[in-house]
Amino acid sequence: MNLTQESEKFFTSLEDKDTTMRLMLGRMPYHVLSAIEDQAKLIRKVKISCNESDEKIVATAMIIGYLLKGHLDRCELEENLKISTFD
């Protein structure tokens, strides 16, 4: 599998807002999306006060999202392992 091509294909699919919304709602609970929106508002305030470039702000937001996904996956795994351990 060529990860670069797969990444480009994925990002191209996100150009369609319906696809993006379907993916977001399918992969994240609504309350998590709401927390992400709150974080986006904070990032916007930082951009205004620090006068950072759009590229840096978008890259930062994407990295934060990637870190959040990993954190949530770990939390879910820990929760599932505790349930499995005590069953």
N, C-alpha and C. Protein backbone atom coordinates (compact mmCIF):
# COMPACT_ATOMS: atom_id res chain seq x y z
N MET A 1 0.85 -1.18 0.00
CA MET A 1 0.00 0.00 0.00
C MET A 1 0.90 1.25 0.00
N ASN A 2 0.61 2.17 -0.88
CA ASN A 2 1.32 3.44 -0.94
C ASN A 2 0.61 4.43 -0.02
N LEU A 3 1.22 4.73 1.12
CA LEU A 3 0.58 5.59 2.11
C LEU A 3 0.40 7.02 1.62
N THR A 4 1.31 7.48 0.78
CA THR A 4 1.19 8.84 0.24
C THR A 4 -0.04 8.94 -0.65
N GLN A 5 -0.21 7.98 -1.55
CA GLN A 5 -1.37 7.99 -2.43
C GLN A 5 -2.66 7.84 -1.64
N GLU A 6 -2.64 6.96 -0.65
CA GLU A 6 -3.83 6.75 0.18
C GLU A 6 -4.19 8.01 0.95
N SER A 7 -3.17 8.70 1.46
CA SER A 7 -3.41 9.97 2.17
C SER A 7 -4.00 11.02 1.25
N GLU A 8 -3.45 11.13 0.05
CA GLU A 8 -3.96 12.11 -0.91
C GLU A 8 -5.41 11.80 -1.30
N LYS A 9 -5.70 10.52 -1.49
CA LYS A 9 -7.07 10.11 -1.83
C LYS A 9 -8.03 10.47 -0.68
N PHE A 10 -7.60 10.22 0.54
CA PHE A 10 -8.42 10.53 1.70
C PHE A 10 -8.69 12.03 1.79
N PHE A 11 -7.64 12.84 1.66
CA PHE A 11 -7.81 14.29 1.74
C PHE A 11 -8.68 14.82 0.61
N THR A 12 -8.57 14.23 -0.56
CA THR A 12 -9.42 14.64 -1.68
C THR A 12 -10.88 14.33 -1.37
N SER A 13 -11.12 13.19 -0.73
CA SER A 13 -12.51 12.84 -0.39
C SER A 13 -13.10 13.82 0.61
N LEU A 14 -12.26 14.45 1.43
CA LEU A 14 -12.75 15.40 2.43
C LEU A 14 -13.17 16.73 1.82
N GLU A 15 -12.87 16.94 0.55
CA GLU A 15 -13.31 18.16 -0.12
C GLU A 15 -14.83 18.22 -0.23
N ASP A 16 -15.48 17.05 -0.19
CA ASP A 16 -16.93 16.98 -0.21
C ASP A 16 -17.42 17.09 1.24
N LYS A 17 -18.16 18.16 1.56
CA LYS A 17 -18.56 18.41 2.95
C LYS A 17 -19.45 17.30 3.50
N ASP A 18 -20.26 16.66 2.66
CA ASP A 18 -21.11 15.57 3.14
C ASP A 18 -20.27 14.36 3.56
N THR A 19 -19.23 14.07 2.78
CA THR A 19 -18.32 12.98 3.13
C THR A 19 -17.62 13.28 4.44
N THR A 20 -17.16 14.51 4.58
CA THR A 20 -16.46 14.91 5.81
C THR A 20 -17.38 14.78 7.02
N MET A 21 -18.60 15.28 6.90
CA MET A 21 -19.54 15.22 8.01
C MET A 21 -19.88 13.77 8.36
N ARG A 22 -20.09 12.94 7.36
CA ARG A 22 -20.40 11.53 7.60
C ARG A 22 -19.24 10.83 8.32
N LEU A 23 -18.02 11.11 7.90
CA LEU A 23 -16.85 10.52 8.54
C LEU A 23 -16.72 10.98 9.99
N MET A 24 -16.88 12.27 10.20
CA MET A 24 -16.75 12.81 11.56
C MET A 24 -17.78 12.19 12.49
N LEU A 25 -19.02 12.18 12.07
CA LEU A 25 -20.08 11.65 12.93
C LEU A 25 -19.98 10.13 13.09
N GLY A 26 -19.41 9.46 12.10
CA GLY A 26 -19.25 8.02 12.18
C GLY A 26 -18.09 7.59 13.06
N ARG A 27 -17.12 8.47 13.23
CA ARG A 27 -15.92 8.10 13.99
C ARG A 27 -15.81 8.74 15.36
N MET A 28 -16.56 9.80 15.58
CA MET A 28 -16.47 10.51 16.85
C MET A 28 -17.87 10.80 17.38
N PRO A 29 -18.08 10.62 18.68
CA PRO A 29 -19.36 11.01 19.25
C PRO A 29 -19.55 12.52 19.16
N TYR A 30 -20.80 12.93 19.15
CA TYR A 30 -21.11 14.35 18.98
C TYR A 30 -20.43 15.21 20.05
N HIS A 31 -20.42 14.75 21.32
CA HIS A 31 -19.82 15.57 22.38
C HIS A 31 -18.32 15.75 22.19
N VAL A 32 -17.64 14.79 21.56
CA VAL A 32 -16.21 14.94 21.26
C VAL A 32 -16.04 15.98 20.15
N LEU A 33 -16.91 15.93 19.14
CA LEU A 33 -16.86 16.94 18.07
C LEU A 33 -17.09 18.33 18.64
N SER A 34 -17.96 18.44 19.62
CA SER A 34 -18.21 19.73 20.27
C SER A 34 -16.96 20.21 21.00
N ALA A 35 -16.25 19.31 21.67
CA ALA A 35 -15.01 19.68 22.36
C ALA A 35 -13.95 20.12 21.35
N ILE A 36 -13.92 19.46 20.20
CA ILE A 36 -12.98 19.84 19.14
C ILE A 36 -13.31 21.24 18.63
N GLU A 37 -14.59 21.54 18.47
CA GLU A 37 -15.00 22.87 18.03
C GLU A 37 -14.55 23.93 19.03
N ASP A 38 -14.68 23.63 20.32
CA ASP A 38 -14.22 24.57 21.35
C ASP A 38 -12.71 24.79 21.24
N GLN A 39 -11.97 23.72 20.98
CA GLN A 39 -10.52 23.83 20.81
C GLN A 39 -10.19 24.67 19.58
N ALA A 40 -10.97 24.52 18.51
CA ALA A 40 -10.75 25.30 17.30
C ALA A 40 -10.93 26.79 17.57
N LYS A 41 -11.91 27.13 18.40
CA LYS A 41 -12.12 28.54 18.77
C LYS A 41 -10.91 29.08 19.53
N LEU A 42 -10.35 28.26 20.40
CA LEU A 42 -9.17 28.67 21.15
C LEU A 42 -7.97 28.86 20.21
N ILE A 43 -7.79 27.95 19.27
CA ILE A 43 -6.70 28.05 18.31
C ILE A 43 -6.86 29.33 17.48
N ARG A 44 -8.07 29.66 17.12
CA ARG A 44 -8.33 30.89 16.34
C ARG A 44 -7.91 32.12 17.14
N LYS A 45 -8.22 32.14 18.44
CA LYS A 45 -7.82 33.26 19.29
C LYS A 45 -6.30 33.37 19.36
N VAL A 46 -5.62 32.23 19.47
CA VAL A 46 -4.15 32.22 19.51
C VAL A 46 -3.60 32.76 18.20
N LYS A 47 -4.18 32.35 17.09
CA LYS A 47 -3.71 32.83 15.78
C LYS A 47 -3.81 34.34 15.70
N ILE A 48 -4.92 34.89 16.16
CA ILE A 48 -5.11 36.34 16.10
C ILE A 48 -4.10 37.05 17.00
N SER A 49 -3.90 36.54 18.21
CA SER A 49 -3.01 37.23 19.14
C SER A 49 -1.53 37.05 18.81
N CYS A 50 -1.17 35.93 18.18
CA CYS A 50 0.24 35.65 17.87
C CYS A 50 0.61 35.97 16.43
N ASN A 51 -0.39 36.24 15.60
CA ASN A 51 -0.17 36.54 14.19
C ASN A 51 0.62 35.43 13.48
N GLU A 52 0.27 34.16 13.76
CA GLU A 52 0.90 33.03 13.10
C GLU A 52 0.30 32.83 11.70
N SER A 53 1.05 32.16 10.84
CA SER A 53 0.57 31.89 9.49
C SER A 53 -0.54 30.85 9.53
N ASP A 54 -1.40 30.89 8.51
CA ASP A 54 -2.48 29.91 8.41
C ASP A 54 -1.93 28.49 8.35
N GLU A 55 -0.81 28.31 7.64
CA GLU A 55 -0.23 26.97 7.51
C GLU A 55 0.16 26.41 8.86
N LYS A 56 0.77 27.23 9.71
CA LYS A 56 1.19 26.76 11.03
C LYS A 56 -0.02 26.44 11.90
N ILE A 57 -1.04 27.25 11.81
CA ILE A 57 -2.24 27.02 12.62
C ILE A 57 -2.94 25.74 12.18
N VAL A 58 -3.07 25.53 10.88
CA VAL A 58 -3.73 24.31 10.38
C VAL A 58 -2.90 23.09 10.76
N ALA A 59 -1.59 23.16 10.59
CA ALA A 59 -0.74 22.03 10.95
C ALA A 59 -0.85 21.72 12.43
N THR A 60 -0.86 22.75 13.26
CA THR A 60 -1.00 22.55 14.70
C THR A 60 -2.33 21.88 15.02
N ALA A 61 -3.41 22.36 14.41
CA ALA A 61 -4.73 21.79 14.66
C ALA A 61 -4.78 20.32 14.22
N MET A 62 -4.17 20.01 13.10
CA MET A 62 -4.17 18.62 12.63
C MET A 62 -3.39 17.72 13.58
N ILE A 63 -2.26 18.21 14.06
CA ILE A 63 -1.45 17.42 15.00
C ILE A 63 -2.22 17.20 16.30
N ILE A 64 -2.88 18.24 16.80
CA ILE A 64 -3.67 18.11 18.01
C ILE A 64 -4.78 17.08 17.80
N GLY A 65 -5.43 17.11 16.65
CA GLY A 65 -6.47 16.13 16.35
C GLY A 65 -5.92 14.71 16.31
N TYR A 66 -4.75 14.55 15.73
CA TYR A 66 -4.11 13.23 15.66
C TYR A 66 -3.79 12.74 17.07
N LEU A 67 -3.25 13.63 17.91
CA LEU A 67 -2.95 13.27 19.29
C LEU A 67 -4.21 12.92 20.06
N LEU A 68 -5.28 13.68 19.84
CA LEU A 68 -6.55 13.40 20.50
C LEU A 68 -7.06 12.01 20.12
N LYS A 69 -7.02 11.70 18.84
CA LYS A 69 -7.49 10.39 18.38
C LYS A 69 -6.71 9.26 19.05
N GLY A 70 -5.40 9.40 19.12
CA GLY A 70 -4.58 8.40 19.77
C GLY A 70 -4.92 8.27 21.25
N HIS A 71 -5.14 9.40 21.90
CA HIS A 71 -5.49 9.40 23.33
C HIS A 71 -6.83 8.69 23.55
N LEU A 72 -7.83 9.03 22.74
CA LEU A 72 -9.14 8.39 22.88
C LEU A 72 -9.08 6.90 22.59
N ASP A 73 -8.28 6.51 21.60
CA ASP A 73 -8.12 5.08 21.30
C ASP A 73 -7.50 4.35 22.49
N ARG A 74 -6.48 4.96 23.12
CA ARG A 74 -5.85 4.34 24.29
C ARG A 74 -6.83 4.23 25.45
N CYS A 75 -7.61 5.29 25.68
CA CYS A 75 -8.61 5.25 26.76
C CYS A 75 -9.61 4.13 26.53
N GLU A 76 -10.07 4.00 25.29
CA GLU A 76 -11.03 2.95 24.96
C GLU A 76 -10.40 1.56 25.13
N LEU A 77 -9.15 1.41 24.73
CA LEU A 77 -8.46 0.13 24.87
C LEU A 77 -8.31 -0.22 26.35
N GLU A 78 -7.90 0.76 27.17
CA GLU A 78 -7.76 0.50 28.60
C GLU A 78 -9.10 0.10 29.22
N GLU A 79 -10.15 0.79 28.83
CA GLU A 79 -11.48 0.46 29.35
C GLU A 79 -11.88 -0.95 28.95
N ASN A 80 -11.65 -1.30 27.69
CA ASN A 80 -12.00 -2.64 27.22
C ASN A 80 -11.17 -3.72 27.91
N LEU A 81 -9.91 -3.46 28.16
CA LEU A 81 -9.06 -4.44 28.83
C LEU A 81 -9.50 -4.65 30.28
N LYS A 82 -9.92 -3.59 30.95
CA LYS A 82 -10.40 -3.72 32.33
C LYS A 82 -11.66 -4.58 32.35
N ILE A 83 -12.55 -4.35 31.39
CA ILE A 83 -13.78 -5.14 31.33
C ILE A 83 -13.44 -6.59 31.05
N SER A 84 -12.54 -6.83 30.12
CA SER A 84 -12.16 -8.20 29.77
C SER A 84 -11.46 -8.90 30.93
N THR A 85 -10.64 -8.16 31.65
CA THR A 85 -9.86 -8.74 32.76
C THR A 85 -10.76 -9.23 33.88
N PHE A 86 -11.84 -8.51 34.14
CA PHE A 86 -12.68 -8.83 35.27
C PHE A 86 -13.91 -9.65 34.91
N ASP A 87 -14.08 -9.99 33.66
CA ASP A 87 -15.25 -10.81 33.26
C ASP A 87 -15.06 -12.24 33.67
